N, C-alpha and C. Protein backbone atom coordinates (compact mmCIF):
# COMPACT_ATOMS: atom_id res chain seq x y z
N MET A 1 271.35 -35.43 14.51
CA MET A 1 270.45 -34.78 13.57
C MET A 1 269.66 -35.80 12.76
N ALA A 2 270.28 -36.92 12.45
CA ALA A 2 269.57 -37.96 11.69
C ALA A 2 268.38 -38.48 12.49
N TYR A 3 268.58 -38.65 13.79
CA TYR A 3 267.49 -39.12 14.64
C TYR A 3 266.37 -38.08 14.70
N LEU A 4 266.73 -36.82 14.74
CA LEU A 4 265.73 -35.74 14.73
C LEU A 4 264.93 -35.77 13.43
N HIS A 5 265.59 -36.10 12.34
CA HIS A 5 264.89 -36.22 11.06
C HIS A 5 263.84 -37.33 11.13
N LEU A 6 264.23 -38.45 11.69
CA LEU A 6 263.29 -39.57 11.80
C LEU A 6 262.12 -39.25 12.73
N LEU A 7 262.38 -38.47 13.77
CA LEU A 7 261.31 -38.08 14.68
C LEU A 7 260.37 -37.04 14.07
N SER A 8 260.94 -36.09 13.35
CA SER A 8 260.15 -34.96 12.88
C SER A 8 259.42 -35.21 11.57
N ASN A 9 259.82 -36.21 10.81
CA ASN A 9 259.22 -36.35 9.48
C ASN A 9 257.76 -36.83 9.50
N HIS A 10 257.31 -37.35 10.61
CA HIS A 10 255.90 -37.77 10.70
C HIS A 10 254.97 -36.61 11.05
N LEU A 11 255.51 -35.59 11.68
CA LEU A 11 254.69 -34.47 12.13
C LEU A 11 253.98 -33.75 10.99
N PRO A 12 254.66 -33.41 9.89
CA PRO A 12 253.95 -32.72 8.81
C PRO A 12 252.84 -33.59 8.19
N ILE A 13 253.05 -34.87 8.14
CA ILE A 13 252.06 -35.76 7.52
C ILE A 13 250.82 -35.88 8.41
N VAL A 14 251.02 -36.31 9.63
CA VAL A 14 249.90 -36.54 10.54
C VAL A 14 249.25 -35.22 10.96
N GLY A 15 250.07 -34.22 11.26
CA GLY A 15 249.54 -32.93 11.71
C GLY A 15 248.73 -32.23 10.63
N THR A 16 249.21 -32.27 9.39
CA THR A 16 248.47 -31.63 8.31
C THR A 16 247.13 -32.32 8.09
N LEU A 17 247.11 -33.63 8.14
CA LEU A 17 245.85 -34.36 8.00
C LEU A 17 244.88 -33.97 9.11
N LEU A 18 245.36 -33.90 10.32
CA LEU A 18 244.50 -33.50 11.44
C LEU A 18 244.01 -32.06 11.26
N GLY A 19 244.89 -31.17 10.82
CA GLY A 19 244.51 -29.78 10.58
C GLY A 19 243.43 -29.67 9.50
N ILE A 20 243.58 -30.46 8.43
CA ILE A 20 242.58 -30.48 7.36
C ILE A 20 241.24 -30.92 7.91
N LEU A 21 241.24 -32.00 8.67
CA LEU A 21 239.99 -32.51 9.24
C LEU A 21 239.32 -31.47 10.14
N LEU A 22 240.12 -30.77 10.93
CA LEU A 22 239.55 -29.73 11.79
C LEU A 22 239.01 -28.55 10.99
N LEU A 23 239.68 -28.19 9.91
CA LEU A 23 239.16 -27.11 9.06
C LEU A 23 237.85 -27.51 8.39
N VAL A 24 237.73 -28.76 7.99
CA VAL A 24 236.48 -29.24 7.41
C VAL A 24 235.37 -29.21 8.45
N ILE A 25 235.68 -29.67 9.65
CA ILE A 25 234.69 -29.61 10.74
C ILE A 25 234.29 -28.17 11.02
N ALA A 26 235.26 -27.27 11.03
CA ALA A 26 234.97 -25.85 11.28
C ALA A 26 234.12 -25.25 10.17
N ALA A 27 234.29 -25.72 8.94
CA ALA A 27 233.47 -25.22 7.83
C ALA A 27 232.03 -25.71 7.93
N VAL A 28 231.86 -26.95 8.38
CA VAL A 28 230.53 -27.52 8.52
C VAL A 28 229.81 -26.98 9.75
N LYS A 29 230.56 -26.88 10.83
CA LYS A 29 230.00 -26.38 12.09
C LYS A 29 230.94 -25.30 12.62
N PRO A 30 230.74 -24.06 12.18
CA PRO A 30 231.67 -22.98 12.55
C PRO A 30 231.87 -22.83 14.06
N ASN A 31 233.14 -22.83 14.43
CA ASN A 31 233.51 -22.67 15.83
C ASN A 31 234.92 -22.08 15.84
N LEU A 32 235.06 -20.94 16.48
CA LEU A 32 236.35 -20.25 16.50
C LEU A 32 237.45 -21.14 17.09
N ASN A 33 237.13 -21.88 18.15
CA ASN A 33 238.15 -22.73 18.77
C ASN A 33 238.62 -23.84 17.83
N THR A 34 237.71 -24.41 17.07
CA THR A 34 238.08 -25.46 16.11
C THR A 34 238.96 -24.88 15.01
N THR A 35 238.59 -23.72 14.50
CA THR A 35 239.37 -23.08 13.45
C THR A 35 240.76 -22.71 13.95
N LEU A 36 240.83 -22.10 15.11
CA LEU A 36 242.14 -21.73 15.66
C LEU A 36 242.99 -22.97 15.93
N SER A 37 242.37 -24.02 16.43
CA SER A 37 243.10 -25.27 16.68
C SER A 37 243.66 -25.84 15.37
N ALA A 38 242.86 -25.79 14.32
CA ALA A 38 243.31 -26.29 13.02
C ALA A 38 244.53 -25.50 12.54
N TYR A 39 244.46 -24.18 12.65
CA TYR A 39 245.58 -23.35 12.21
C TYR A 39 246.83 -23.60 13.05
N ILE A 40 246.67 -23.76 14.34
CA ILE A 40 247.82 -24.01 15.21
C ILE A 40 248.45 -25.36 14.87
N ILE A 41 247.63 -26.37 14.66
CA ILE A 41 248.16 -27.70 14.30
C ILE A 41 248.86 -27.64 12.95
N MET A 42 248.27 -26.93 12.01
CA MET A 42 248.91 -26.82 10.69
C MET A 42 250.20 -25.99 10.75
N LEU A 43 250.23 -25.00 11.62
CA LEU A 43 251.45 -24.21 11.82
C LEU A 43 252.56 -25.09 12.40
N VAL A 44 252.23 -25.87 13.41
CA VAL A 44 253.21 -26.79 14.01
C VAL A 44 253.66 -27.82 12.97
N SER A 45 252.73 -28.27 12.13
CA SER A 45 253.08 -29.21 11.08
C SER A 45 254.06 -28.60 10.09
N GLY A 46 253.82 -27.34 9.73
CA GLY A 46 254.75 -26.64 8.85
C GLY A 46 256.13 -26.50 9.47
N LEU A 47 256.16 -26.16 10.74
CA LEU A 47 257.45 -26.05 11.43
C LEU A 47 258.14 -27.40 11.49
N GLY A 48 257.36 -28.46 11.72
CA GLY A 48 257.92 -29.82 11.69
C GLY A 48 258.48 -30.16 10.32
N GLY A 49 257.82 -29.65 9.28
CA GLY A 49 258.32 -29.86 7.92
C GLY A 49 259.67 -29.20 7.70
N PHE A 50 259.83 -28.01 8.27
CA PHE A 50 261.14 -27.34 8.19
C PHE A 50 262.21 -28.17 8.88
N VAL A 51 261.90 -28.67 10.07
CA VAL A 51 262.87 -29.48 10.82
C VAL A 51 263.21 -30.74 10.02
N ALA A 52 262.20 -31.40 9.49
CA ALA A 52 262.44 -32.62 8.71
C ALA A 52 263.31 -32.32 7.49
N TYR A 53 263.00 -31.25 6.80
CA TYR A 53 263.75 -30.91 5.60
C TYR A 53 265.21 -30.58 5.93
N PHE A 54 265.41 -29.73 6.92
CA PHE A 54 266.77 -29.26 7.19
C PHE A 54 267.62 -30.26 7.98
N THR A 55 267.04 -31.35 8.42
CA THR A 55 267.83 -32.43 9.03
C THR A 55 268.01 -33.60 8.05
N GLY A 56 267.44 -33.48 6.87
CA GLY A 56 267.51 -34.56 5.88
C GLY A 56 268.92 -34.86 5.42
N GLU A 57 269.72 -33.84 5.23
CA GLU A 57 271.09 -34.05 4.78
C GLU A 57 271.89 -34.87 5.80
N SER A 58 271.69 -34.57 7.08
CA SER A 58 272.37 -35.33 8.14
C SER A 58 271.90 -36.78 8.15
N ALA A 59 270.62 -36.98 7.91
CA ALA A 59 270.10 -38.36 7.86
C ALA A 59 270.71 -39.11 6.68
N GLU A 60 270.86 -38.43 5.56
CA GLU A 60 271.48 -39.05 4.38
C GLU A 60 272.92 -39.45 4.68
N GLU A 61 273.66 -38.54 5.29
CA GLU A 61 275.06 -38.83 5.61
C GLU A 61 275.20 -39.99 6.59
N ALA A 62 274.22 -40.14 7.46
CA ALA A 62 274.28 -41.21 8.47
C ALA A 62 274.03 -42.59 7.87
N ILE A 63 273.27 -42.65 6.76
CA ILE A 63 272.91 -43.98 6.25
C ILE A 63 273.44 -44.30 4.86
N GLU A 64 274.01 -43.33 4.18
CA GLU A 64 274.39 -43.57 2.78
C GLU A 64 275.48 -44.64 2.61
N HIS A 65 276.21 -44.94 3.66
CA HIS A 65 277.28 -45.93 3.56
C HIS A 65 276.86 -47.30 4.06
N ILE A 66 275.62 -47.43 4.48
CA ILE A 66 275.12 -48.73 4.95
C ILE A 66 274.79 -49.60 3.74
N ARG A 67 275.24 -50.85 3.82
CA ARG A 67 274.99 -51.78 2.72
C ARG A 67 273.49 -51.99 2.57
N GLY A 68 273.02 -51.99 1.34
CA GLY A 68 271.62 -52.22 1.04
C GLY A 68 270.79 -50.93 0.94
N VAL A 69 271.40 -49.81 1.28
CA VAL A 69 270.69 -48.54 1.17
C VAL A 69 270.79 -48.06 -0.28
N SER A 70 269.65 -47.77 -0.87
CA SER A 70 269.60 -47.35 -2.26
C SER A 70 269.86 -45.85 -2.40
N HIS A 71 270.94 -45.53 -3.10
CA HIS A 71 271.25 -44.12 -3.34
C HIS A 71 270.22 -43.49 -4.28
N GLN A 72 269.67 -44.32 -5.17
CA GLN A 72 268.64 -43.82 -6.08
C GLN A 72 267.38 -43.42 -5.29
N LEU A 73 266.99 -44.23 -4.32
CA LEU A 73 265.82 -43.89 -3.49
C LEU A 73 266.08 -42.64 -2.65
N ILE A 74 267.28 -42.52 -2.14
CA ILE A 74 267.63 -41.31 -1.38
C ILE A 74 267.48 -40.08 -2.28
N HIS A 75 267.97 -40.18 -3.50
CA HIS A 75 267.90 -39.06 -4.43
C HIS A 75 266.44 -38.71 -4.76
N VAL A 76 265.63 -39.69 -5.04
CA VAL A 76 264.22 -39.45 -5.36
C VAL A 76 263.50 -38.82 -4.16
N HIS A 77 263.78 -39.35 -2.96
CA HIS A 77 263.19 -38.80 -1.74
C HIS A 77 263.62 -37.35 -1.54
N GLU A 78 264.88 -37.08 -1.77
CA GLU A 78 265.42 -35.72 -1.61
C GLU A 78 264.78 -34.75 -2.61
N GLU A 79 264.62 -35.19 -3.85
CA GLU A 79 263.98 -34.35 -4.87
C GLU A 79 262.53 -34.05 -4.51
N MET A 80 261.83 -35.06 -4.02
CA MET A 80 260.43 -34.85 -3.62
C MET A 80 260.35 -33.92 -2.42
N ALA A 81 261.29 -34.04 -1.50
CA ALA A 81 261.31 -33.16 -0.33
C ALA A 81 261.54 -31.71 -0.74
N GLU A 82 262.35 -31.49 -1.76
CA GLU A 82 262.56 -30.13 -2.26
C GLU A 82 261.27 -29.55 -2.84
N ASN A 83 260.50 -30.38 -3.53
CA ASN A 83 259.21 -29.93 -4.05
C ASN A 83 258.23 -29.65 -2.91
N ALA A 84 258.23 -30.50 -1.91
CA ALA A 84 257.32 -30.34 -0.78
C ALA A 84 257.66 -29.12 0.06
N LEU A 85 258.93 -28.70 0.03
CA LEU A 85 259.34 -27.54 0.82
C LEU A 85 258.56 -26.28 0.45
N VAL A 86 258.19 -26.14 -0.80
CA VAL A 86 257.37 -25.01 -1.22
C VAL A 86 256.07 -25.00 -0.43
N PHE A 87 255.48 -26.17 -0.24
CA PHE A 87 254.21 -26.25 0.48
C PHE A 87 254.40 -26.20 1.99
N VAL A 88 255.60 -26.48 2.46
CA VAL A 88 255.89 -26.23 3.88
C VAL A 88 255.79 -24.72 4.13
N PHE A 89 256.40 -23.95 3.24
CA PHE A 89 256.31 -22.49 3.35
C PHE A 89 254.86 -22.01 3.24
N LEU A 90 254.14 -22.50 2.22
CA LEU A 90 252.76 -22.08 2.00
C LEU A 90 251.86 -22.47 3.16
N LEU A 91 252.02 -23.67 3.68
CA LEU A 91 251.20 -24.13 4.81
C LEU A 91 251.45 -23.28 6.04
N THR A 92 252.72 -22.99 6.31
CA THR A 92 253.06 -22.17 7.47
C THR A 92 252.51 -20.75 7.30
N ALA A 93 252.67 -20.18 6.11
CA ALA A 93 252.17 -18.82 5.85
C ALA A 93 250.64 -18.77 5.92
N ALA A 94 249.97 -19.76 5.31
CA ALA A 94 248.51 -19.79 5.33
C ALA A 94 247.98 -19.95 6.76
N SER A 95 248.67 -20.73 7.56
CA SER A 95 248.26 -20.94 8.95
C SER A 95 248.42 -19.66 9.77
N LEU A 96 249.55 -18.98 9.58
CA LEU A 96 249.77 -17.70 10.28
C LEU A 96 248.74 -16.66 9.84
N LEU A 97 248.51 -16.58 8.54
CA LEU A 97 247.53 -15.63 8.02
C LEU A 97 246.12 -15.97 8.53
N GLY A 98 245.79 -17.24 8.55
CA GLY A 98 244.49 -17.67 9.06
C GLY A 98 244.30 -17.35 10.53
N LEU A 99 245.33 -17.60 11.31
CA LEU A 99 245.26 -17.25 12.74
C LEU A 99 245.01 -15.76 12.92
N TRP A 100 245.77 -14.96 12.18
CA TRP A 100 245.65 -13.52 12.28
C TRP A 100 244.25 -13.06 11.83
N ALA A 101 243.77 -13.64 10.72
CA ALA A 101 242.46 -13.25 10.19
C ALA A 101 241.33 -13.60 11.15
N GLU A 102 241.42 -14.76 11.77
CA GLU A 102 240.38 -15.18 12.72
C GLU A 102 240.41 -14.32 13.98
N ARG A 103 241.58 -14.09 14.49
CA ARG A 103 241.70 -13.29 15.72
C ARG A 103 241.31 -11.83 15.48
N SER A 104 241.58 -11.33 14.27
CA SER A 104 241.25 -9.94 13.95
C SER A 104 239.85 -9.79 13.36
N GLN A 105 239.19 -10.92 13.15
CA GLN A 105 237.83 -10.97 12.60
C GLN A 105 237.73 -10.27 11.25
N TRP A 106 238.67 -10.59 10.37
CA TRP A 106 238.65 -10.05 9.02
C TRP A 106 237.43 -10.56 8.27
N THR A 107 236.90 -9.78 7.37
CA THR A 107 235.77 -10.23 6.57
C THR A 107 236.19 -11.31 5.57
N SER A 108 237.46 -11.35 5.24
CA SER A 108 237.96 -12.36 4.30
C SER A 108 238.45 -13.63 5.00
N ALA A 109 238.14 -13.80 6.27
CA ALA A 109 238.62 -14.96 7.04
C ALA A 109 238.18 -16.29 6.42
N LYS A 110 236.96 -16.35 5.89
CA LYS A 110 236.47 -17.60 5.28
C LYS A 110 237.22 -17.92 3.99
N LYS A 111 237.59 -16.90 3.22
CA LYS A 111 238.37 -17.13 2.00
C LYS A 111 239.76 -17.63 2.36
N ILE A 112 240.32 -17.09 3.40
CA ILE A 112 241.64 -17.53 3.87
C ILE A 112 241.54 -18.96 4.38
N GLU A 113 240.44 -19.29 5.06
CA GLU A 113 240.23 -20.66 5.53
C GLU A 113 240.17 -21.63 4.36
N LEU A 114 239.47 -21.26 3.28
CA LEU A 114 239.40 -22.10 2.09
C LEU A 114 240.79 -22.25 1.46
N PHE A 115 241.53 -21.16 1.38
CA PHE A 115 242.90 -21.21 0.85
C PHE A 115 243.77 -22.14 1.69
N ALA A 116 243.68 -22.02 3.01
CA ALA A 116 244.47 -22.88 3.91
C ALA A 116 244.08 -24.34 3.74
N LEU A 117 242.80 -24.59 3.51
CA LEU A 117 242.33 -25.96 3.31
C LEU A 117 242.90 -26.55 2.02
N ILE A 118 242.87 -25.77 0.95
CA ILE A 118 243.41 -26.24 -0.33
C ILE A 118 244.92 -26.47 -0.22
N VAL A 119 245.63 -25.51 0.37
CA VAL A 119 247.08 -25.67 0.58
C VAL A 119 247.34 -26.90 1.45
N GLY A 120 246.54 -27.08 2.48
CA GLY A 120 246.71 -28.21 3.38
C GLY A 120 246.55 -29.55 2.67
N VAL A 121 245.54 -29.65 1.80
CA VAL A 121 245.31 -30.91 1.08
C VAL A 121 246.49 -31.22 0.15
N ILE A 122 246.92 -30.22 -0.61
CA ILE A 122 248.06 -30.42 -1.51
C ILE A 122 249.32 -30.74 -0.70
N ALA A 123 249.53 -30.01 0.39
CA ALA A 123 250.70 -30.25 1.24
C ALA A 123 250.67 -31.66 1.81
N PHE A 124 249.50 -32.10 2.28
CA PHE A 124 249.40 -33.45 2.85
C PHE A 124 249.79 -34.50 1.81
N ILE A 125 249.30 -34.35 0.60
CA ILE A 125 249.62 -35.32 -0.46
C ILE A 125 251.13 -35.34 -0.70
N LEU A 126 251.74 -34.17 -0.82
CA LEU A 126 253.18 -34.10 -1.04
C LEU A 126 253.97 -34.65 0.14
N PHE A 127 253.55 -34.29 1.36
CA PHE A 127 254.25 -34.77 2.55
C PHE A 127 254.13 -36.28 2.67
N ALA A 128 252.93 -36.80 2.44
CA ALA A 128 252.72 -38.25 2.56
C ALA A 128 253.54 -39.01 1.52
N PHE A 129 253.58 -38.51 0.30
CA PHE A 129 254.36 -39.19 -0.73
C PHE A 129 255.85 -39.10 -0.46
N THR A 130 256.29 -37.95 0.04
CA THR A 130 257.70 -37.80 0.40
C THR A 130 258.06 -38.78 1.52
N GLY A 131 257.19 -38.91 2.51
CA GLY A 131 257.41 -39.87 3.59
C GLY A 131 257.40 -41.30 3.10
N TYR A 132 256.51 -41.59 2.17
CA TYR A 132 256.42 -42.92 1.58
C TYR A 132 257.75 -43.28 0.90
N LEU A 133 258.27 -42.34 0.13
CA LEU A 133 259.55 -42.57 -0.54
C LEU A 133 260.68 -42.73 0.47
N GLY A 134 260.66 -41.91 1.52
CA GLY A 134 261.69 -42.01 2.55
C GLY A 134 261.63 -43.33 3.30
N GLY A 135 260.44 -43.83 3.51
CA GLY A 135 260.29 -45.11 4.19
C GLY A 135 260.90 -46.26 3.42
N HIS A 136 260.92 -46.15 2.10
CA HIS A 136 261.49 -47.21 1.28
C HIS A 136 263.01 -47.26 1.32
N ILE A 137 263.63 -46.19 1.78
CA ILE A 137 265.09 -46.14 1.82
C ILE A 137 265.63 -47.23 2.74
N ARG A 138 265.03 -47.41 3.89
CA ARG A 138 265.52 -48.42 4.85
C ARG A 138 264.57 -49.61 5.00
N HIS A 139 263.31 -49.41 4.71
CA HIS A 139 262.32 -50.46 4.96
C HIS A 139 262.03 -51.30 3.73
N GLY A 140 262.62 -50.96 2.61
CA GLY A 140 262.47 -51.76 1.40
C GLY A 140 261.21 -51.44 0.62
N ALA A 141 261.15 -51.98 -0.56
CA ALA A 141 260.01 -51.70 -1.45
C ALA A 141 258.83 -52.57 -1.19
């Protein structure tokens, strides 16, 4: 499970950034395929965030007894991950809602796209900072 944590923790960061970029492109040059792709990538990123979060405890148990590992950094990383989890939920929900709105051609689809973009930007910042803190646990300051 610790290895799965290390594999999955990059997905929310990179995927959310890519999803944001695609949503911006879709806003500038509207294209259903670009919008749907952005939502799918952001949905997968949210799911990756769930995997990263729920495998975090196993990763902590695997390394907490290694000499040189900072328990304070683990704690700070864990606290930040708990805050980011709210945006994992929001990103996943916004992506699902956006997919549904686009496929159903809702009149509010553009408002949902803007909401998903805002959630995506905030989520990316939280995910990136959480990853940054996690990287310091083993890679040093």
